[in-house]
Amino acid sequence: MWGPESLPNAHDQYEMRRAAVKICEACPVKAECLAFGILAGEQSGIYGGLPLRARRVVLRIAREAGLRCDPTDPTAQPRLARYIRSNPEIVVAAREHEAKRHHAELADERRRRWRESKRSAADDPSGKSGSGGE
């Protein structure tokens, strides 16, 4: 539905995802939507307010709790939706897990850029590399 991957930059993609999550928060069928996104195996988009990796966390938690989540079982989706509605803390846990993962990725990217800047500065004996003052 949202298609942020088609947007030109990461900031616009992030803002589009945030808008989708805000809309989901007010939706009366977000548990059913989340259950659908999980069991249909949707690989992109926001379902029930969660992106793919967070949906995987919800599925893992549900399975660890003993819930059968067979996509071919016609009773699996309503059963998963009931479980999600009655255990809202799993959605919170999935969001927290996703936020930690996202922050770790950002930190890794900052460290990578820092290492590259140090490497390029060491390779440039004039000291002008990366200074922008040419």
C-alpha atoms as a PDB file:
ATOM      1  CA  MET A   1       0.000   0.000   0.000  1.00  0.00           C
ATOM      2  CA  TRP A   2       2.705   2.503   0.923  1.00  0.00           C
ATOM      3  CA  GLY A   3       5.567   1.662  -1.379  1.00  0.00           C
ATOM      4  CA  PRO A   4       8.288   3.758   0.307  1.00  0.00           C
ATOM      5  CA  GLU A   5      10.974   1.864  -1.603  1.00  0.00           C
ATOM      6  CA  SER A   6      10.001   3.872  -4.692  1.00  0.00           C
ATOM      7  CA  LEU A   7      10.825   7.174  -2.950  1.00  0.00           C
ATOM      8  CA  PRO A   8      14.173   8.732  -3.837  1.00  0.00           C
ATOM      9  CA  ASN A   9      15.787   9.006  -0.404  1.00  0.00           C
ATOM     10  CA  ALA A  10      15.847   7.330   2.978  1.00  0.00           C
ATOM     11  CA  HIS A  11      14.332  10.296   4.816  1.00  0.00           C
ATOM     12  CA  ASP A  12      11.234  10.299   2.579  1.00  0.00           C
ATOM     13  CA  GLN A  13      10.952   6.520   2.990  1.00  0.00           C
ATOM     14  CA  TYR A  14      11.153   6.885   6.771  1.00  0.00           C
ATOM     15  CA  GLU A  15       8.489   9.601   6.816  1.00  0.00           C
ATOM     16  CA  MET A  16       6.181   7.473   4.656  1.00  0.00           C
ATOM     17  CA  ARG A  17       6.565   4.515   7.010  1.00  0.00           C
ATOM     18  CA  ARG A  18       5.872   6.744  10.018  1.00  0.00           C
ATOM     19  CA  ALA A  19       2.681   8.001   8.346  1.00  0.00           C
ATOM     20  CA  ALA A  20       1.572   4.419   7.719  1.00  0.00           C
ATOM     21  CA  VAL A  21       2.186   3.451  11.346  1.00  0.00           C
ATOM     22  CA  LYS A  22       0.205   6.478  12.585  1.00  0.00           C
ATOM     23  CA  ILE A  23      -2.749   5.506  10.398  1.00  0.00           C
ATOM     24  CA  CYS A  24      -2.564   1.939  11.689  1.00  0.00           C
ATOM     25  CA  GLU A  25      -2.653   3.098  15.300  1.00  0.00           C
ATOM     26  CA  ALA A  26      -6.198   4.429  14.858  1.00  0.00           C
ATOM     27  CA  CYS A  27      -7.443   1.483  12.809  1.00  0.00           C
ATOM     28  CA  PRO A  28     -10.045  -0.760  14.461  1.00  0.00           C
ATOM     29  CA  VAL A  29      -8.845  -3.865  12.569  1.00  0.00           C
ATOM     30  CA  LYS A  30      -5.086  -3.553  13.080  1.00  0.00           C
ATOM     31  CA  ALA A  31      -4.843  -6.951  14.833  1.00  0.00           C
ATOM     32  CA  GLU A  32      -6.569  -8.632  11.885  1.00  0.00           C
ATOM     33  CA  CYS A  33      -4.367  -6.721   9.442  1.00  0.00           C
ATOM     34  CA  LEU A  34      -1.237  -7.706  11.361  1.00  0.00           C
ATOM     35  CA  ALA A  35      -2.322 -11.349  11.441  1.00  0.00           C
ATOM     36  CA  PHE A  36      -2.964 -11.216   7.685  1.00  0.00           C
ATOM     37  CA  GLY A  37       0.454  -9.655   6.985  1.00  0.00           C
ATOM     38  CA  ILE A  38       2.163 -12.308   9.096  1.00  0.00           C
ATOM     39  CA  LEU A  39       0.366 -15.359   7.707  1.00  0.00           C
ATOM     40  CA  ALA A  40       0.294 -14.178   4.093  1.00  0.00           C
ATOM     41  CA  GLY A  41       4.065 -13.818   4.264  1.00  0.00           C
ATOM     42  CA  GLU A  42       4.010 -10.262   2.947  1.00  0.00           C
ATOM     43  CA  GLN A  43       7.633  -9.212   2.444  1.00  0.00           C
ATOM     44  CA  SER A  44       7.133  -5.449   2.362  1.00  0.00           C
ATOM     45  CA  GLY A  45       4.825  -2.772   3.626  1.00  0.00           C
ATOM     46  CA  ILE A  46       3.287  -1.979   6.976  1.00  0.00           C
ATOM     47  CA  TYR A  47       0.602  -4.327   8.297  1.00  0.00           C
ATOM     48  CA  GLY A  48      -1.073  -3.648  11.606  1.00  0.00           C
ATOM     49  CA  GLY A  49       1.464  -0.916  12.247  1.00  0.00           C
ATOM     50  CA  LEU A  50       4.539  -3.150  11.908  1.00  0.00           C
ATOM     51  CA  PRO A  51       7.189  -3.628   9.217  1.00  0.00           C
ATOM     52  CA  LEU A  52       8.387  -7.063   8.113  1.00  0.00           C
ATOM     53  CA  ARG A  53      11.058  -7.709  10.763  1.00  0.00           C
ATOM     54  CA  ALA A  54       8.753  -6.674  13.600  1.00  0.00           C
ATOM     55  CA  ARG A  55       6.026  -8.951  12.194  1.00  0.00           C
ATOM     56  CA  ARG A  56       8.536 -11.798  12.299  1.00  0.00           C
ATOM     57  CA  VAL A  57       9.120 -11.053  15.989  1.00  0.00           C
ATOM     58  CA  VAL A  58       5.359 -11.241  16.658  1.00  0.00           C
ATOM     59  CA  LEU A  59       5.188 -14.570  14.826  1.00  0.00           C
ATOM     60  CA  ARG A  60       8.133 -15.956  16.810  1.00  0.00           C
ATOM     61  CA  ILE A  61       6.577 -14.864  20.111  1.00  0.00           C
ATOM     62  CA  ALA A  62       3.207 -16.361  19.154  1.00  0.00           C
ATOM     63  CA  ARG A  63       4.820 -19.671  18.200  1.00  0.00           C
ATOM     64  CA  GLU A  64       6.863 -19.735  21.407  1.00  0.00           C
ATOM     65  CA  ALA A  65       3.575 -19.299  23.286  1.00  0.00           C
ATOM     66  CA  GLY A  66       2.297 -22.445  21.582  1.00  0.00           C
ATOM     67  CA  LEU A  67       0.051 -20.809  18.989  1.00  0.00           C
ATOM     68  CA  ARG A  68      -0.232 -22.792  15.758  1.00  0.00           C
ATOM     69  CA  CYS A  69       0.388 -20.373  12.886  1.00  0.00           C
ATOM     70  CA  ASP A  70      -0.028 -22.507   9.777  1.00  0.00           C
ATOM     71  CA  PRO A  71      -0.939 -20.217   6.846  1.00  0.00           C
ATOM     72  CA  THR A  72      -2.912 -23.059   5.226  1.00  0.00           C
ATOM     73  CA  ASP A  73      -5.194 -23.369   8.275  1.00  0.00           C
ATOM     74  CA  PRO A  74      -8.274 -21.161   7.746  1.00  0.00           C
ATOM     75  CA  THR A  75      -8.628 -20.684  11.511  1.00  0.00           C
ATOM     76  CA  ALA A  76      -5.035 -19.481  11.975  1.00  0.00           C
ATOM     77  CA  GLN A  77      -5.604 -15.854  11.006  1.00  0.00           C
ATOM     78  CA  PRO A  78      -8.543 -15.150  13.358  1.00  0.00           C
ATOM     79  CA  ARG A  79      -6.791 -17.092  16.119  1.00  0.00           C
ATOM     80  CA  LEU A  80      -3.600 -15.049  15.668  1.00  0.00           C
ATOM     81  CA  ALA A  81      -5.619 -11.805  15.590  1.00  0.00           C
ATOM     82  CA  ARG A  82      -7.304 -12.757  18.888  1.00  0.00           C
ATOM     83  CA  TYR A  83      -3.915 -13.564  20.390  1.00  0.00           C
ATOM     84  CA  ILE A  84      -2.512 -10.196  19.258  1.00  0.00           C
ATOM     85  CA  ARG A  85      -5.531  -8.301  20.654  1.00  0.00           C
ATOM     86  CA  SER A  86      -5.342 -10.101  23.985  1.00  0.00           C
ATOM     87  CA  ASN A  87      -1.544  -9.668  24.263  1.00  0.00           C
ATOM     88  CA  PRO A  88      -0.753  -6.107  23.123  1.00  0.00           C
ATOM     89  CA  GLU A  89       2.607  -6.320  24.863  1.00  0.00           C
ATOM     90  CA  ILE A  90       3.929  -8.506  22.027  1.00  0.00           C
ATOM     91  CA  VAL A  91       3.395  -5.661  19.564  1.00  0.00           C
ATOM     92  CA  VAL A  92       5.231  -3.338  21.963  1.00  0.00           C
ATOM     93  CA  ALA A  93       8.059  -5.883  22.255  1.00  0.00           C
ATOM     94  CA  ALA A  94       8.246  -6.229  18.467  1.00  0.00           C
ATOM     95  CA  ARG A  95       8.430  -2.435  18.060  1.00  0.00           C
ATOM     96  CA  GLU A  96      11.165  -2.205  20.692  1.00  0.00           C
ATOM     97  CA  HIS A  97      13.103  -4.989  19.001  1.00  0.00           C
ATOM     98  CA  GLU A  98      12.791  -3.218  15.637  1.00  0.00           C
ATOM     99  CA  ALA A  99      13.870   0.126  17.144  1.00  0.00           C
ATOM    100  CA  LYS A 100      16.961  -1.463  18.738  1.00  0.00           C
ATOM    101  CA  ARG A 101      17.854  -3.145  15.464  1.00  0.00           C
ATOM    102  CA  HIS A 102      17.390   0.122  13.565  1.00  0.00           C
ATOM    103  CA  HIS A 103      19.564   2.064  16.030  1.00  0.00           C
ATOM    104  CA  ALA A 104      22.251  -0.614  15.810  1.00  0.00           C
ATOM    105  CA  GLU A 105      22.213  -0.359  12.008  1.00  0.00           C
ATOM    106  CA  LEU A 106      22.553   3.433  12.205  1.00  0.00           C
ATOM    107  CA  ALA A 107      25.461   3.125  14.642  1.00  0.00           C
ATOM    108  CA  ASP A 108      27.153   0.565  12.359  1.00  0.00           C
ATOM    109  CA  GLU A 109      26.734   2.922   9.405  1.00  0.00           C
ATOM    110  CA  ARG A 110      28.218   5.857  11.371  1.00  0.00           C
ATOM    111  CA  ARG A 111      31.190   3.708  12.400  1.00  0.00           C
ATOM    112  CA  ARG A 112      31.699   2.558   8.808  1.00  0.00           C
ATOM    113  CA  ARG A 113      31.686   6.148   7.523  1.00  0.00           C
ATOM    114  CA  TRP A 114      34.073   7.223  10.289  1.00  0.00           C
ATOM    115  CA  ARG A 115      36.502   4.399   9.430  1.00  0.00           C
ATOM    116  CA  GLU A 116      36.317   5.331   5.741  1.00  0.00           C
ATOM    117  CA  SER A 117      37.025   8.985   6.501  1.00  0.00           C
ATOM    118  CA  LYS A 118      40.030   8.014   8.640  1.00  0.00           C
ATOM    119  CA  ARG A 119      41.260   5.657   5.935  1.00  0.00           C
ATOM    120  CA  SER A 120      40.932   8.282   3.193  1.00  0.00           C
ATOM    121  CA  ALA A 121      42.643  10.895   5.408  1.00  0.00           C
ATOM    122  CA  ALA A 122      45.535   8.486   5.971  1.00  0.00           C
ATOM    123  CA  ASP A 123      45.781   7.851   2.215  1.00  0.00           C
ATOM    124  CA  ASP A 124      45.936  11.600   1.447  1.00  0.00           C
ATOM    125  CA  PRO A 125      49.282  12.996   2.657  1.00  0.00           C
ATOM    126  CA  SER A 126      48.206  16.571   1.863  1.00  0.00           C
ATOM    127  CA  GLY A 127      45.474  16.343   4.503  1.00  0.00           C
ATOM    128  CA  LYS A 128      42.874  17.786   2.146  1.00  0.00           C
ATOM    129  CA  SER A 129      40.784  14.629   1.812  1.00  0.00           C
ATOM    130  CA  GLY A 130      37.271  15.108   3.110  1.00  0.00           C
ATOM    131  CA  SER A 131      37.918  18.667   4.302  1.00  0.00           C
ATOM    132  CA  GLY A 132      35.704  20.276   1.665  1.00  0.00           C
ATOM    133  CA  GLY A 133      37.987  23.325   1.604  1.00  0.00           C
ATOM    134  CA  GLU A 134      39.494  22.957  -1.869  1.00  0.00           C
END
